[in-house]
Structures are given as C-alpha cells and as structure tokens.
Amino acid sequence: MKIITLTLLLVATTANLYAQPYPAKPVRFMVGFAPGGAADITARALAPKLSELLGQQFYIENRPGAGGMLGTDAAAKSPPDGYTLLLMPAADAIQPAVRRKLPYDLMRDFTPVARVVSGPWFLVVHPSVPARSAREFVALARKNPGKLNYATSGISSSAHLTAELLKSLAKIDIVHVPFKGIVEGMTGVAGGEVDLIFASIPSSLPLRNAGRVRALAVTTAERTPLAPDMPTLNESGVPGYDRTGWYGVLAPAGTAREIVTRLHSAIVKIVNLHEMREAFMRQGLEPWLAAPEAFGEFIRGEIAQNIKLVKAAGIKVE
C-alpha cells in the first residue's frame, strides 16, 4: 500500500511539474571545459540573466575532459525536458572530423537553441617576419615553402584548422608547431620561436601594443567592431576566408518546441542588452545571434568544413 501511495505521489508531482510553465525548477547549464575559459565565461554571462528573466536558477556545471566530449556526452544523454542545456563551442564541431567514434551525434542528439557570440582571431606574427600585411605574408610564404611555421594550441584544435584553412585557400606551405595551449603558443611567437599564430583578440592586444607581435589581419569575412581598423584576410588577398570561434546553446534532441522557443527568445533579449554586448566585447566576443534552424544549418556546415580540412591536411588524432 505504501509503495502504491508513493508511486501515485511521484506521478502526481511529476504531472504537476510538467503542468507548470517552463521553467518550473533549476536548469543545469553544462560546460565541457574548465572554469575561466571562453565557453565558461559565455555560460556564466548568460546564466544569471536567464535566471532573472525566466524566474528559475540557471546554474553552471563544468565537466571538462576529452576536448569537451565529457560534457557534451552528458548533455546528450540528459532528459529532453529543458532542464539541461549545453554551451557549445566551435571545438565541438571539430570532434566528428577527428574521431572515428563519438558517444553522441551532434546533429541527431541535440536540438539547436541559439547561436550566441563569435570570437574572431587575429593572424599574428613575430616582428622579425618581414611582412607588414597578410598579403605580404602570403607572398613571403609562397616564395619560401616549408620555411615559415605556425603555432597552435594542439593538433586538431580550432587554431590548427584555422591555419589549415589559410594554407588551403592561399596555397601556401607553412609548418605546424603544436603547443600545449594557446598561451604557450603566443609565448612562442612573442619570443621569436615561431613565426605565426591565430590567437584571440584579447590575448593578442597586450603583446601587440607592447610591440612584441604584429597583427596582420582578422579572420572574419567582414571587419569586426572589436578591431575596426584591422583588415580581413578577404581584403588581403585570401578570398573566401571566414573562420572564427563561436559559442551557442543546445538542448537534448526531443526538447519541446515551446521550450526551445522560450529559451531562444530569452537569449536574444539578453544578448541585445547594451550591458551584455559591452561585457561580451570586453572578453573579445561579439554578438552573433542565429535562430534554431539557422544555427543547426550553421553547425552542419562547420562540421562539413572541418571534415574537409582534416582530410586535406591528413590530421589524425585516433
């Protein structure tokens, strides 16, 4: 009798929960990286505003490991009830290109909610490199195949594929020098150990202002408000170049359309707040909103481009 009573109570409680407007309890925001990184910063900027706007706590759960795979997998296997969200970075769209087997499928196991912000990169060189522009750098590299090198935060990282896209479109041969992280890579370029790196604007500006590195171009298709004086690679003789870091929000596949719509609307309102735009831009991020369907197509395109780049470069992780 007690078991039946408890079961009925549980059923009644669950039914009452789903009858309430979403959200009716705290929402977990999964981040597959350690605190302090751009993914974590983006999630922590959104969470308190979502709490204010939707009337329930949105809390961050960091689950770092395996290049973000642990957090992504945990989110993919969560109930599709809107109470677990994933902060997705551009790096997640690289995993299908470099791993034969993933415990999840980004396009099958998730519902896109919103693309949120982008994080453009500078093409940065050591001052000893005899190039004052990206156009001059490309010409220099073409005349000296295999003699210039570039730093990254590791094999198959976003910085790696960003450089591989430059190699492919500009038809140049520069040598990859992987470091343990982007900070180490920047140090390598600033110290003259390596010629080039693609690095975030905030990490580049102090060294650029101190004269320890030279920024030649920005990686976005159009100039960024983060550095309006900096030409794009498109302008600099590499037509079709467009690559940037980005962050968006996903929910497990099967999440109700009404929940996705409510979350998307809330995120758009938050990102369009003047204070939020300013806060993001101080972190080297700019608002780059996209609706669920458009974000889904964007992810599909990013995965396809990454697969093409990895295959062309012969990159192997597994």
Protein backbone atom coordinates (compact mmCIF):
# COMPACT_ATOMS: atom_id res chain seq x y z
CA MET A 1 0.00 0.00 0.00
CA LYS A 2 2.84 2.38 0.90
CA ILE A 3 4.56 1.62 -2.42
CA ILE A 4 1.37 2.36 -4.35
CA THR A 5 0.87 5.61 -2.41
CA LEU A 6 4.45 6.73 -3.04
CA THR A 7 4.14 5.86 -6.73
CA LEU A 8 0.92 7.84 -7.06
CA LEU A 9 2.53 10.77 -5.22
CA LEU A 10 5.52 10.68 -7.58
CA VAL A 11 3.27 10.56 -10.65
CA ALA A 12 1.19 13.44 -9.31
CA THR A 13 4.27 15.51 -8.52
CA THR A 14 5.74 14.89 -11.99
CA ALA A 15 2.45 15.73 -13.70
CA ASN A 16 2.18 18.91 -11.64
CA LEU A 17 5.75 19.87 -12.60
CA TYR A 18 5.07 19.48 -16.31
CA ALA A 19 1.79 21.36 -15.97
CA GLN A 20 3.64 24.44 -14.72
CA PRO A 21 5.08 26.97 -17.18
CA TYR A 22 8.70 26.31 -18.10
CA PRO A 23 10.97 26.50 -16.20
CA ALA A 24 9.45 25.12 -13.01
CA LYS A 25 12.78 24.13 -11.38
CA PRO A 26 16.50 25.00 -11.68
CA VAL A 27 18.16 24.49 -15.07
CA ARG A 28 21.62 22.96 -15.49
CA PHE A 29 23.95 24.68 -17.96
CA MET A 30 26.59 22.13 -18.98
CA VAL A 31 30.06 23.37 -19.97
CA GLY A 32 32.56 20.79 -21.20
CA PHE A 33 35.58 22.88 -20.21
CA ALA A 34 37.18 24.12 -17.02
CA PRO A 35 36.14 27.42 -15.39
CA GLY A 36 37.75 30.55 -16.77
CA GLY A 37 37.77 29.74 -20.49
CA ALA A 38 35.67 31.50 -23.12
CA ALA A 39 32.97 28.79 -23.07
CA ASP A 40 32.65 29.08 -19.30
CA ILE A 41 32.66 32.90 -19.44
CA THR A 42 29.87 32.88 -22.03
CA ALA A 43 27.72 30.50 -19.99
CA ARG A 44 28.29 32.47 -16.79
CA ALA A 45 27.30 35.68 -18.55
CA LEU A 46 24.03 34.17 -19.77
CA ALA A 47 23.03 32.15 -16.69
CA PRO A 48 22.20 34.96 -14.21
CA LYS A 49 20.29 36.92 -16.85
CA LEU A 50 18.30 33.83 -17.79
CA SER A 51 17.55 33.33 -14.08
CA GLU A 52 16.25 36.90 -13.83
CA LEU A 53 14.19 36.71 -16.99
CA LEU A 54 12.70 33.23 -16.56
CA GLY A 55 12.35 33.12 -12.78
CA GLN A 56 14.39 29.98 -12.04
CA GLN A 57 18.05 29.41 -11.28
CA PHE A 58 20.30 28.57 -14.23
CA TYR A 59 23.46 27.08 -12.77
CA ILE A 60 26.76 26.08 -14.40
CA GLU A 61 28.13 22.54 -14.25
CA ASN A 62 31.69 22.30 -15.57
CA ARG A 63 32.59 18.83 -16.78
CA PRO A 64 35.99 19.19 -18.51
CA GLY A 65 37.82 16.42 -20.28
CA ALA A 66 38.48 14.85 -23.70
CA GLY A 67 38.33 18.18 -25.51
CA GLY A 68 34.82 18.91 -24.25
CA MET A 69 33.43 15.47 -25.08
CA LEU A 70 32.56 14.53 -21.49
CA GLY A 71 30.25 17.50 -21.00
CA THR A 72 28.72 17.15 -24.46
CA ASP A 73 28.05 13.46 -23.93
CA ALA A 74 26.45 14.09 -20.52
CA ALA A 75 24.15 16.72 -22.04
CA ALA A 76 23.26 14.44 -24.98
CA LYS A 77 22.15 11.70 -22.58
CA SER A 78 20.06 14.02 -20.38
CA PRO A 79 16.24 14.02 -20.48
CA PRO A 80 14.84 16.28 -23.22
CA ASP A 81 12.85 18.36 -20.75
CA GLY A 82 14.66 21.69 -20.99
CA TYR A 83 16.40 21.30 -17.64
CA THR A 84 19.82 20.52 -19.12
CA LEU A 85 21.41 22.82 -21.69
CA LEU A 86 24.82 22.68 -23.35
CA LEU A 87 27.08 25.64 -24.03
CA MET A 88 28.56 24.53 -27.35
CA PRO A 89 31.91 25.93 -28.56
CA ALA A 90 33.28 25.74 -32.10
CA ALA A 91 35.60 22.96 -30.88
CA ASP A 92 32.62 20.59 -30.60
CA ALA A 93 32.16 20.77 -34.37
CA ILE A 94 35.74 19.55 -34.86
CA GLN A 95 35.28 16.29 -32.92
CA PRO A 96 33.30 14.48 -35.67
CA ALA A 97 36.16 15.26 -38.09
CA VAL A 98 38.96 13.78 -35.98
CA ARG A 99 37.36 10.92 -34.07
CA ARG A 100 36.09 7.75 -35.71
CA LYS A 101 33.69 7.04 -32.88
CA LEU A 102 31.85 9.52 -30.68
CA PRO A 103 29.37 8.52 -27.95
CA TYR A 104 26.92 11.05 -29.41
CA ASP A 105 25.93 12.61 -32.73
CA LEU A 106 25.69 16.40 -32.70
CA MET A 107 23.02 16.55 -35.40
CA ARG A 108 20.98 13.60 -34.10
CA ASP A 109 21.21 14.01 -30.33
CA PHE A 110 20.74 17.76 -29.95
CA THR A 111 18.24 20.48 -30.73
CA PRO A 112 19.81 23.87 -31.54
CA VAL A 113 18.52 26.72 -29.37
CA ALA A 114 20.61 29.74 -30.38
CA ARG A 115 23.99 30.75 -31.68
CA VAL A 116 25.12 33.46 -29.26
CA VAL A 117 28.54 35.05 -29.87
CA SER A 118 31.62 34.77 -32.03
CA GLY A 119 35.26 35.22 -31.07
CA PRO A 120 37.32 36.45 -34.04
CA TRP A 121 41.04 35.78 -34.25
CA PHE A 122 43.98 37.87 -35.33
CA LEU A 123 46.65 36.48 -37.65
CA VAL A 124 49.70 37.38 -35.56
CA VAL A 125 53.41 37.22 -36.47
CA HIS A 126 56.69 37.94 -34.71
CA PRO A 127 58.10 41.37 -35.63
CA SER A 128 61.11 39.71 -37.27
CA VAL A 129 58.86 38.29 -40.00
CA PRO A 130 59.36 40.62 -43.00
CA ALA A 131 55.66 41.14 -43.71
CA ARG A 132 53.62 44.21 -42.79
CA SER A 133 50.33 42.80 -44.05
CA ALA A 134 48.64 39.46 -44.61
CA ARG A 135 49.08 39.95 -48.36
CA GLU A 136 52.84 40.32 -47.86
CA PHE A 137 52.90 37.29 -45.56
CA VAL A 138 51.19 35.12 -48.18
CA ALA A 139 53.65 36.30 -50.84
CA LEU A 140 56.56 35.56 -48.46
CA ALA A 141 55.25 32.08 -47.70
CA ARG A 142 54.80 31.28 -51.40
CA LYS A 143 58.41 32.24 -52.08
CA ASN A 144 59.64 30.16 -49.13
CA PRO A 145 57.61 26.92 -48.99
CA GLY A 146 58.14 24.97 -45.78
CA LYS A 147 60.38 27.62 -44.22
CA LEU A 148 57.80 29.51 -42.12
CA ASN A 149 55.94 27.92 -39.23
CA TYR A 150 52.85 28.47 -37.11
CA ALA A 151 51.94 27.73 -33.51
CA THR A 152 48.65 26.25 -32.27
CA SER A 153 47.18 25.01 -29.03
CA GLY A 154 47.47 21.43 -30.27
CA ILE A 155 46.72 19.01 -33.10
CA SER A 156 43.13 19.36 -34.40
CA SER A 157 42.49 22.45 -32.27
CA SER A 158 40.47 25.37 -33.62
CA ALA A 159 43.71 27.29 -34.17
CA HIS A 160 45.11 24.35 -36.14
CA LEU A 161 42.18 24.17 -38.55
CA THR A 162 42.11 27.96 -38.84
CA ALA A 163 45.71 27.85 -40.11
CA GLU A 164 44.94 24.88 -42.37
CA LEU A 165 42.16 26.92 -44.00
CA LEU A 166 44.69 29.67 -44.71
CA LYS A 167 47.10 27.12 -46.20
CA SER A 168 44.34 25.71 -48.40
CA LEU A 169 42.89 28.99 -49.69
CA ALA A 170 46.21 30.86 -50.03
CA LYS A 171 48.01 27.80 -51.42
CA ILE A 172 50.98 28.13 -49.09
CA ASP A 173 53.13 25.60 -47.22
CA ILE A 174 53.83 26.54 -43.59
CA VAL A 175 54.86 24.09 -40.87
CA HIS A 176 52.72 23.23 -37.85
CA VAL A 177 54.28 23.57 -34.36
CA PRO A 178 51.75 22.35 -31.76
CA PHE A 179 51.97 23.66 -28.18
CA LYS A 180 50.15 22.53 -25.04
CA GLY A 181 47.89 25.58 -25.06
CA ILE A 182 47.25 28.89 -26.77
CA VAL A 183 49.13 30.83 -24.07
CA GLU A 184 52.26 28.74 -24.70
CA GLY A 185 51.81 29.24 -28.43
CA MET A 186 51.53 33.01 -28.05
CA THR A 187 54.65 32.97 -25.88
CA GLY A 188 56.44 31.05 -28.62
CA VAL A 189 55.54 33.68 -31.22
CA ALA A 190 56.31 36.63 -28.93
CA GLY A 191 59.71 35.09 -28.17
CA GLY A 192 60.53 34.56 -31.85
CA GLU A 193 60.48 30.76 -31.56
CA VAL A 194 57.59 30.54 -34.06
CA ASP A 195 56.57 32.86 -36.91
CA LEU A 196 52.78 32.92 -36.77
CA ILE A 197 49.72 32.10 -34.70
CA PHE A 198 45.98 32.63 -34.91
CA ALA A 199 45.01 33.99 -31.49
CA SER A 200 42.06 35.69 -29.84
CA ILE A 201 41.96 39.48 -29.92
CA PRO A 202 42.19 39.92 -26.10
CA SER A 203 45.24 37.64 -25.86
CA SER A 204 46.91 39.41 -28.78
CA LEU A 205 46.33 43.08 -27.95
CA PRO A 206 48.70 43.45 -24.94
CA LEU A 207 51.57 41.88 -26.88
CA ARG A 208 50.67 43.86 -29.99
CA ASN A 209 50.57 47.12 -28.04
CA ALA A 210 53.95 46.28 -26.49
CA GLY A 211 55.45 45.70 -29.93
CA ARG A 212 56.20 42.04 -29.23
CA VAL A 213 53.95 40.75 -32.02
CA ARG A 214 52.40 42.22 -35.16
CA ALA A 215 48.72 41.63 -36.02
CA LEU A 216 48.18 41.43 -39.79
CA ALA A 217 44.51 40.57 -40.30
CA VAL A 218 41.30 39.39 -38.69
CA THR A 219 39.74 36.04 -39.61
CA THR A 220 36.10 37.10 -40.06
CA ALA A 221 34.54 37.65 -43.50
CA GLU A 222 33.90 41.30 -42.61
CA ARG A 223 35.75 43.67 -40.29
CA THR A 224 34.92 43.24 -36.64
CA PRO A 225 33.79 46.05 -34.32
CA LEU A 226 36.31 44.64 -31.85
CA ALA A 227 39.09 45.97 -34.10
CA PRO A 228 37.56 48.06 -36.90
CA ASP A 229 40.99 49.20 -38.15
CA MET A 230 42.16 45.65 -38.83
CA PRO A 231 41.67 44.35 -42.41
CA THR A 232 40.22 40.91 -43.04
CA LEU A 233 42.01 38.10 -44.84
CA ASN A 234 39.34 38.51 -47.52
CA GLU A 235 40.62 42.03 -48.11
CA SER A 236 44.21 40.84 -48.00
CA GLY A 237 44.31 38.52 -50.98
CA VAL A 238 42.71 35.40 -49.48
CA PRO A 239 39.16 35.49 -50.92
CA GLY A 240 36.59 33.28 -49.24
CA TYR A 241 38.39 33.18 -45.89
CA ASP A 242 35.93 33.19 -42.99
CA ARG A 243 36.71 31.39 -39.74
CA THR A 244 36.00 32.33 -36.16
CA GLY A 245 35.47 30.89 -32.73
CA TRP A 246 31.82 30.80 -31.71
CA TYR A 247 29.50 29.69 -28.91
CA GLY A 248 25.89 28.60 -28.91
CA VAL A 249 23.28 26.83 -26.82
CA LEU A 250 21.91 23.33 -27.47
CA ALA A 251 19.28 21.21 -25.77
CA PRO A 252 18.89 17.41 -25.93
CA ALA A 253 17.02 16.18 -29.01
CA GLY A 254 13.29 15.94 -28.45
CA THR A 255 13.04 19.04 -26.27
CA ALA A 256 9.62 20.59 -26.80
CA ARG A 257 9.42 23.33 -29.41
CA GLU A 258 7.75 25.70 -26.91
CA ILE A 259 10.71 25.35 -24.54
CA VAL A 260 13.26 25.93 -27.32
CA THR A 261 11.32 29.00 -28.49
CA ARG A 262 11.13 30.43 -24.97
CA LEU A 263 14.84 29.90 -24.37
CA HIS A 264 15.77 31.36 -27.74
CA SER A 265 13.65 34.47 -27.17
CA ALA A 266 15.18 34.98 -23.73
CA ILE A 267 18.74 34.61 -25.07
CA VAL A 268 18.07 37.14 -27.85
CA LYS A 269 16.75 39.67 -25.33
CA ILE A 270 19.76 39.15 -23.07
CA VAL A 271 22.41 39.37 -25.78
CA ASN A 272 20.82 42.53 -27.18
CA LEU A 273 21.08 44.31 -23.84
CA HIS A 274 23.62 47.11 -24.11
CA GLU A 275 25.36 46.00 -20.90
CA MET A 276 25.68 42.42 -22.20
CA ARG A 277 27.03 43.47 -25.58
CA GLU A 278 29.63 45.59 -23.81
CA ALA A 279 30.51 42.77 -21.41
CA PHE A 280 30.95 40.28 -24.25
CA MET A 281 33.07 42.68 -26.29
CA ARG A 282 35.39 43.22 -23.32
CA GLN A 283 36.03 39.47 -23.48
CA GLY A 284 36.80 39.62 -27.20
CA LEU A 285 33.38 38.26 -28.16
CA GLU A 286 30.77 39.89 -30.34
CA PRO A 287 27.04 39.09 -30.51
CA TRP A 288 26.34 36.71 -33.38
CA LEU A 289 22.79 35.51 -32.92
CA ALA A 290 21.09 32.89 -35.05
CA ALA A 291 17.68 31.21 -34.75
CA PRO A 292 17.47 27.46 -34.02
CA GLU A 293 17.06 26.34 -37.64
CA ALA A 294 19.79 28.64 -38.92
CA PHE A 295 22.11 27.59 -36.10
CA GLY A 296 21.51 23.94 -36.98
CA GLU A 297 22.46 24.55 -40.61
CA PHE A 298 25.50 26.52 -39.48
CA ILE A 299 26.69 23.61 -37.29
CA ARG A 300 26.20 21.21 -40.20
CA GLY A 301 28.30 23.49 -42.43
CA GLU A 302 31.04 23.80 -39.79
CA ILE A 303 31.27 20.02 -39.42
CA ALA A 304 31.48 19.60 -43.20
CA GLN A 305 34.24 22.21 -43.50
CA ASN A 306 36.19 20.64 -40.63
CA ILE A 307 35.97 17.17 -42.19
CA LYS A 308 37.27 18.59 -45.47
CA LEU A 309 40.17 20.42 -43.77
CA VAL A 310 41.16 17.43 -41.64
CA LYS A 311 41.13 15.12 -44.66
CA ALA A 312 43.15 17.53 -46.83
CA ALA A 313 45.74 18.06 -44.08
CA GLY A 314 45.95 14.39 -43.15
CA ILE A 315 45.29 15.18 -39.48
CA LYS A 316 44.92 12.05 -37.33
CA VAL A 317 44.01 12.01 -33.64
CA GLU A 318 42.78 8.44 -33.28
